[in-house]
């Protein structure tokens, strides 16, 4: 975990003077002629967002997720608290903090959006006081969203009850979460969202829109098997996509859990292959390659064969965040 806090941008401030540090940062920006939230056209903070970097996060990954949060905040002005636990308690036992902020101006002078970041580095010894410090950093009377990223053990999330119970949404990513993450005893399981499911939105929409032209009975009747193949780099997305396919097919009248995963493909690491097999000669298949952005549908549900090329992509990380948070 060494270096995560240091890798993130910002100005070092005393933990007890975070508000003062933010105010001085914005005053400095304003004096340099940069956009700042003090301007009459700046939009107010709309979202509290806690990004919790787990012990499996390295410096490069931390910067990547930080940049994602910044891009998200350009659309939804927010106060972001980034939690950086220290892997070892050897060394300083105090909490450290730094602040970062930026404002972006849109197409008109009335569209200035600002974000504020507070980074907190802490040893495990002070976890009991961490949530109190987080609550001080957050803006009042606006919703809280909590993203737990790359935790080494989901059970360790039990130490952060305030965040798990206060957050309107708790975000995890099944592509990077530890095994059994969804079996964890979440205080409010209805608020938990999977970022892998969120970024699959365009894929789900594409498959759903193609199949919606056919009657549900034609899709489900005499369906013998469903197989979803996938490349090695999209194994988590494939598991999520299969669960969605099984759910949608069951709503059409097919047997529950009819779909299975095939072994990962070796040729195209970011590819999918979905095939329905029927006892009456009907046909449906979908081949997609995220690397090229191309997919192909082939189908014949008794009304003639149809082949259709289509683009395919996952949501960008910042858009997946908004999808998981708000929808």
Protein backbone atom coordinates (compact mmCIF):
# COMPACT_ATOMS: atom_id res chain seq x y z
CA UNK A 1 0.00 0.00 0.00
CA UNK A 2 3.04 2.21 0.18
CA UNK A 3 2.77 5.30 -1.94
CA UNK A 4 -0.99 5.50 -2.59
CA UNK A 5 -1.58 8.63 -0.55
CA UNK A 6 1.59 10.19 -1.95
CA UNK A 7 0.60 9.30 -5.53
CA UNK A 8 -2.63 11.29 -5.36
CA UNK A 9 -2.60 15.02 -6.09
CA UNK A 10 -3.41 17.63 -3.49
CA UNK A 11 -2.13 20.02 -0.87
CA UNK A 12 -1.11 18.63 2.53
CA UNK A 13 -3.18 20.05 5.38
CA UNK A 14 -3.54 19.28 9.09
CA UNK A 15 -6.35 16.79 9.73
CA UNK A 16 -7.94 19.23 12.15
CA UNK A 17 -7.95 22.06 9.58
CA UNK A 18 -9.41 20.43 6.46
CA UNK A 19 -12.15 23.04 6.03
CA UNK A 20 -9.61 25.84 6.37
CA UNK A 21 -7.33 24.07 3.89
CA UNK A 22 -10.15 23.82 1.33
CA UNK A 23 -11.01 27.48 1.77
CA UNK A 24 -7.37 28.53 1.29
CA UNK A 25 -7.07 26.30 -1.76
CA UNK A 26 -10.07 27.97 -3.43
CA UNK A 27 -8.85 31.43 -2.44
CA UNK A 28 -5.57 30.62 -4.14
CA UNK A 29 -7.36 29.45 -7.28
CA UNK A 30 -9.49 32.58 -7.37
CA UNK A 31 -6.46 34.86 -6.94
CA UNK A 32 -4.86 33.14 -9.94
CA UNK A 33 -7.97 33.75 -12.04
CA UNK A 34 -9.02 30.10 -12.06
CA UNK A 35 -12.71 29.11 -11.76
CA UNK A 36 -13.74 28.64 -8.15
CA UNK A 37 -16.98 27.82 -6.29
CA UNK A 38 -17.13 31.40 -5.04
CA UNK A 39 -18.31 32.55 -8.46
CA UNK A 40 -21.97 33.43 -8.80
CA UNK A 41 -22.43 30.93 -11.62
CA UNK A 42 -20.84 27.94 -9.88
CA UNK A 43 -23.11 24.99 -9.19
CA UNK A 44 -23.30 23.81 -5.58
CA UNK A 45 -22.10 20.44 -4.35
CA UNK A 46 -24.77 17.83 -5.13
CA UNK A 47 -23.24 14.54 -3.95
CA UNK A 48 -21.13 13.18 -1.09
CA UNK A 49 -18.91 10.43 -2.43
CA UNK A 50 -16.51 8.24 -0.42
CA UNK A 51 -13.94 6.30 -2.44
CA UNK A 52 -12.38 3.69 -0.17
CA UNK A 53 -9.19 2.20 -1.62
CA UNK A 54 -8.70 -1.30 -0.28
CA UNK A 55 -5.40 -2.94 0.57
CA UNK A 56 -5.15 -4.55 -2.88
CA UNK A 57 -4.91 -1.12 -4.52
CA UNK A 58 -1.52 -0.03 -5.81
CA UNK A 59 -0.40 3.50 -6.64
CA UNK A 60 -1.22 3.35 -10.36
CA UNK A 61 -4.67 1.91 -9.68
CA UNK A 62 -5.33 4.57 -7.03
CA UNK A 63 -4.56 7.33 -9.53
CA UNK A 64 -6.81 5.66 -12.11
CA UNK A 65 -9.77 5.52 -9.72
CA UNK A 66 -9.08 9.07 -8.53
CA UNK A 67 -9.19 10.28 -12.15
CA UNK A 68 -12.47 8.42 -12.65
CA UNK A 69 -13.93 10.23 -9.64
CA UNK A 70 -12.73 13.57 -11.01
CA UNK A 71 -14.40 12.94 -14.39
CA UNK A 72 -17.59 11.88 -12.60
CA UNK A 73 -17.55 15.07 -10.52
CA UNK A 74 -17.39 17.21 -13.65
CA UNK A 75 -20.92 16.05 -14.37
CA UNK A 76 -22.14 15.82 -10.78
CA UNK A 77 -20.45 18.42 -8.54
CA UNK A 78 -19.42 16.55 -5.43
CA UNK A 79 -17.39 16.38 -2.24
CA UNK A 80 -15.18 13.29 -2.49
CA UNK A 81 -13.41 11.71 0.47
CA UNK A 82 -10.70 9.26 -0.59
CA UNK A 83 -9.71 6.80 2.15
CA UNK A 84 -6.18 5.38 1.92
CA UNK A 85 -5.52 2.70 4.54
CA UNK A 86 -1.91 1.86 5.31
CA UNK A 87 -1.02 -1.78 4.86
CA UNK A 88 1.37 -1.76 7.79
CA UNK A 89 1.09 -0.03 11.12
CA UNK A 90 4.85 0.31 11.22
CA UNK A 91 5.62 4.00 11.10
CA UNK A 92 3.52 7.08 11.98
CA UNK A 93 0.29 6.29 13.81
CA UNK A 94 -1.39 9.60 13.02
CA UNK A 95 -3.85 10.34 10.26
CA UNK A 96 -2.71 12.49 7.34
CA UNK A 97 -4.79 14.63 5.00
CA UNK A 98 -4.58 16.63 1.83
CA UNK A 99 -7.09 18.50 -0.28
CA UNK A 100 -7.66 18.94 -3.99
CA UNK A 101 -10.26 20.80 -6.00
CA UNK A 102 -11.07 21.93 -9.49
CA UNK A 103 -13.80 23.75 -11.34
CA UNK A 104 -14.65 23.23 -14.99
CA UNK A 105 -16.56 25.66 -17.17
CA UNK A 106 -19.05 24.24 -19.64
CA UNK A 107 -20.33 25.70 -22.88
CA UNK A 108 -21.84 28.71 -21.11
CA UNK A 109 -20.78 30.93 -18.22
CA UNK A 110 -23.73 29.55 -16.24
CA UNK A 111 -22.27 26.04 -16.27
CA UNK A 112 -19.39 25.98 -13.79
CA UNK A 113 -19.04 22.71 -11.89
CA UNK A 114 -16.73 22.24 -8.94
CA UNK A 115 -15.48 19.28 -6.97
CA UNK A 116 -13.63 19.04 -3.68
CA UNK A 117 -11.46 16.10 -2.67
CA UNK A 118 -10.22 15.22 0.79
CA UNK A 119 -7.63 12.43 0.94
CA UNK A 120 -7.17 10.69 4.28
CA UNK A 121 -4.28 8.32 4.97
CA UNK A 122 -4.76 6.24 8.10
CA UNK A 123 -3.26 3.24 9.92
CA UNK A 124 -5.48 0.40 11.02
CA UNK A 125 -5.05 1.51 14.63
CA UNK A 126 -7.28 4.56 14.10
CA UNK A 127 -10.10 2.87 12.20
CA UNK A 128 -12.42 3.38 15.17
CA UNK A 129 -12.11 7.17 14.72
CA UNK A 130 -12.09 7.18 10.93
CA UNK A 131 -15.81 7.40 10.31
CA UNK A 132 -16.13 10.34 12.68
CA UNK A 133 -13.49 12.16 10.66
CA UNK A 134 -15.25 11.23 7.41
CA UNK A 135 -18.57 12.59 8.69
CA UNK A 136 -16.88 15.92 9.44
CA UNK A 137 -15.53 16.10 5.89
CA UNK A 138 -18.89 15.50 4.20
CA UNK A 139 -21.36 18.17 3.21
CA UNK A 140 -24.60 18.08 5.16
CA UNK A 141 -28.10 17.41 3.83
CA UNK A 142 -27.00 15.78 0.55
CA UNK A 143 -26.89 12.05 -0.23
CA UNK A 144 -23.85 9.88 0.46
CA UNK A 145 -22.50 7.23 -1.91
CA UNK A 146 -19.79 4.75 -0.90
CA UNK A 147 -17.45 2.91 -3.27
CA UNK A 148 -15.38 0.09 -1.73
CA UNK A 149 -12.58 -0.64 -4.19
CA UNK A 150 -10.27 -3.70 -4.16
CA UNK A 151 -10.80 -4.81 -0.59
CA UNK A 152 -8.62 -7.79 0.31
CA UNK A 153 -11.37 -9.26 2.47
CA UNK A 154 -15.02 -8.23 2.33
CA UNK A 155 -15.43 -9.06 6.02
CA UNK A 156 -13.22 -6.06 6.82
CA UNK A 157 -16.02 -3.82 5.57
CA UNK A 158 -17.84 -4.64 8.79
CA UNK A 159 -15.57 -2.06 10.45
CA UNK A 160 -17.26 0.71 8.44
CA UNK A 161 -20.84 0.39 9.60
CA UNK A 162 -21.54 4.12 9.36
CA UNK A 163 -20.67 4.18 5.67
CA UNK A 164 -22.55 0.96 4.89
CA UNK A 165 -25.72 2.10 6.64
CA UNK A 166 -25.67 5.81 5.76
CA UNK A 167 -24.89 5.47 2.06
CA UNK A 168 -27.74 5.64 -0.42
CA UNK A 169 -25.74 3.27 -2.60
CA UNK A 170 -22.79 0.99 -1.78
CA UNK A 171 -20.72 0.24 -4.88
CA UNK A 172 -18.45 -2.73 -5.42
CA UNK A 173 -17.00 -4.23 -8.59
CA UNK A 174 -17.30 -8.00 -8.95
CA UNK A 175 -14.32 -7.89 -11.33
CA UNK A 176 -12.02 -6.85 -8.47
CA UNK A 177 -13.96 -7.76 -5.31
CA UNK A 178 -12.84 -10.75 -3.23
CA UNK A 179 -14.62 -14.07 -3.64
CA UNK A 180 -17.92 -14.21 -1.80
CA UNK A 181 -18.41 -10.45 -1.77
CA UNK A 182 -22.11 -10.77 -2.54
CA UNK A 183 -22.53 -13.31 0.27
CA UNK A 184 -21.35 -10.73 2.78
CA UNK A 185 -24.00 -9.75 5.34
CA UNK A 186 -24.66 -6.27 3.98
CA UNK A 187 -26.65 -4.12 6.45
CA UNK A 188 -28.78 -2.85 3.54
CA UNK A 189 -28.37 -5.33 0.66
CA UNK A 190 -30.95 -3.47 -1.42
CA UNK A 191 -28.51 -0.56 -1.68
CA UNK A 192 -25.56 -2.58 -3.01
CA UNK A 193 -24.72 -2.14 -6.71
CA UNK A 194 -22.20 -3.97 -8.90
CA UNK A 195 -20.17 -1.74 -11.21
CA UNK A 196 -19.68 -4.69 -13.57
CA UNK A 197 -23.45 -4.80 -14.07
CA UNK A 198 -23.58 -1.04 -14.55
CA UNK A 199 -20.90 -0.90 -17.24
CA UNK A 200 -22.71 -3.68 -19.14
CA UNK A 201 -25.67 -1.35 -19.73
CA UNK A 202 -25.03 -0.85 -23.49
CA UNK A 203 -24.52 -4.60 -23.96
CA UNK A 204 -27.75 -5.43 -22.13
CA UNK A 205 -29.61 -2.79 -24.10
CA UNK A 206 -28.27 -4.09 -27.42
CA UNK A 207 -29.25 -7.70 -26.76
CA UNK A 208 -32.60 -6.70 -25.30
CA UNK A 209 -33.48 -4.39 -28.18
CA UNK A 210 -32.66 -7.04 -30.76
CA UNK A 211 -34.70 -9.76 -29.05
CA UNK A 212 -37.62 -7.42 -28.31
CA UNK A 213 -38.71 -7.65 -31.96
CA UNK A 214 -39.69 -11.29 -31.36
CA UNK A 215 -42.57 -12.65 -29.23
CA UNK A 216 -41.48 -13.89 -25.81
CA UNK A 217 -43.10 -17.24 -26.51
CA UNK A 218 -41.02 -17.74 -29.64
CA UNK A 219 -37.83 -17.04 -27.68
CA UNK A 220 -38.62 -19.37 -24.76
CA UNK A 221 -40.51 -22.22 -26.43
CA UNK A 222 -38.44 -25.37 -27.15
CA UNK A 223 -35.30 -23.69 -25.80
CA UNK A 224 -32.87 -26.52 -25.04
CA UNK A 225 -29.75 -24.73 -23.82
CA UNK A 226 -28.03 -21.37 -23.55
CA UNK A 227 -24.27 -20.94 -23.51
CA UNK A 228 -22.28 -17.78 -22.93
CA UNK A 229 -18.63 -17.87 -23.93
CA UNK A 230 -16.20 -15.12 -22.99
CA UNK A 231 -12.60 -14.00 -23.20
CA UNK A 232 -10.25 -14.21 -20.24
CA UNK A 233 -10.36 -10.46 -19.50
CA UNK A 234 -14.15 -10.24 -19.18
CA UNK A 235 -14.87 -13.21 -16.92
CA UNK A 236 -16.61 -11.09 -14.27
CA UNK A 237 -18.72 -9.29 -16.86
CA UNK A 238 -19.67 -12.66 -18.37
CA UNK A 239 -20.92 -13.97 -15.01
CA UNK A 240 -23.02 -10.85 -14.54
CA UNK A 241 -24.30 -10.94 -18.11
CA UNK A 242 -25.28 -14.61 -17.79
CA UNK A 243 -27.30 -13.88 -14.65
CA UNK A 244 -29.13 -11.12 -16.53
CA UNK A 245 -29.76 -13.40 -19.56
CA UNK A 246 -31.14 -16.14 -17.31
CA UNK A 247 -33.41 -13.68 -15.54
CA UNK A 248 -34.74 -12.23 -18.80
CA UNK A 249 -35.30 -15.67 -20.33
CA UNK A 250 -37.15 -16.83 -17.22
CA UNK A 251 -39.46 -13.82 -17.57
CA UNK A 252 -40.21 -15.06 -21.10
CA UNK A 253 -41.15 -18.51 -19.79
CA UNK A 254 -37.86 -20.40 -20.17
CA UNK A 255 -36.60 -22.70 -17.38
CA UNK A 256 -34.80 -20.83 -14.61
CA UNK A 257 -31.03 -20.97 -14.77
CA UNK A 258 -30.94 -22.51 -18.21
CA UNK A 259 -27.80 -20.61 -19.22
CA UNK A 260 -24.26 -21.78 -18.53
CA UNK A 261 -20.79 -20.31 -18.97
CA UNK A 262 -18.37 -21.83 -21.44
CA UNK A 263 -14.64 -22.03 -20.76
CA UNK A 264 -12.83 -18.73 -21.44
CA UNK A 265 -11.84 -18.23 -25.06
CA UNK A 266 -8.16 -17.84 -25.83
CA UNK A 267 -8.22 -15.93 -29.13
CA UNK A 268 -10.04 -12.74 -28.13
CA UNK A 269 -9.59 -11.81 -24.46
CA UNK A 270 -12.37 -9.18 -24.51
CA UNK A 271 -15.01 -11.09 -26.41
CA UNK A 272 -18.44 -12.63 -25.78
CA UNK A 273 -20.35 -15.38 -27.58
CA UNK A 274 -24.01 -16.05 -26.73
CA UNK A 275 -25.87 -18.98 -28.32
CA UNK A 276 -29.40 -20.33 -27.85
CA UNK A 277 -30.03 -23.96 -28.93
CA UNK A 278 -33.56 -25.13 -29.78
CA UNK A 279 -35.19 -28.49 -30.43
CA UNK A 280 -37.28 -27.11 -33.32
CA UNK A 281 -34.54 -25.56 -35.47
CA UNK A 282 -34.78 -21.96 -34.27
CA UNK A 283 -31.52 -20.03 -34.10
CA UNK A 284 -30.06 -17.19 -32.07
CA UNK A 285 -26.42 -16.20 -31.65
CA UNK A 286 -24.50 -13.08 -30.76
CA UNK A 287 -20.78 -12.59 -31.22
CA UNK A 288 -19.07 -9.50 -29.79
CA UNK A 289 -15.53 -8.20 -29.47
CA UNK A 290 -15.03 -5.22 -27.18
CA UNK A 291 -11.54 -4.62 -28.55
CA UNK A 292 -12.87 -3.89 -32.04
CA UNK A 293 -16.22 -2.52 -30.87
CA UNK A 294 -18.09 -4.81 -33.27
CA UNK A 295 -20.79 -7.44 -32.76
CA UNK A 296 -23.07 -9.55 -34.94
CA UNK A 297 -26.55 -10.93 -34.32
CA UNK A 298 -27.89 -13.97 -36.19
CA UNK A 299 -31.40 -15.20 -35.57
CA UNK A 300 -34.27 -17.20 -37.02
CA UNK A 301 -37.31 -17.61 -34.81
CA UNK A 302 -39.48 -19.00 -37.59
CA UNK A 303 -40.13 -15.80 -39.52
CA UNK A 304 -36.95 -15.79 -41.61
CA UNK A 305 -33.25 -15.43 -40.96
CA UNK A 306 -31.90 -12.10 -39.76
CA UNK A 307 -28.25 -11.05 -39.56
CA UNK A 308 -27.31 -7.67 -38.18
CA UNK A 309 -23.97 -6.04 -37.30
CA UNK A 310 -23.92 -3.66 -34.34
CA UNK A 311 -21.45 -1.67 -32.30
CA UNK A 312 -20.63 -2.88 -28.81
CA UNK A 313 -18.92 -1.23 -25.83
CA UNK A 314 -18.95 -1.00 -22.08
CA UNK A 315 -19.80 2.22 -20.30
CA UNK A 316 -16.86 4.44 -19.48
CA UNK A 317 -15.94 4.11 -15.76
CA UNK A 318 -17.35 7.53 -14.78
CA UNK A 319 -20.63 6.74 -16.57
CA UNK A 320 -20.79 3.34 -14.89
CA UNK A 321 -20.50 5.16 -11.56
CA UNK A 322 -23.47 7.38 -12.33
CA UNK A 323 -25.47 4.38 -13.62
CA UNK A 324 -24.80 2.42 -10.43
CA UNK A 325 -25.48 5.38 -8.17
CA UNK A 326 -28.62 6.86 -9.60
CA UNK A 327 -30.43 4.16 -11.57
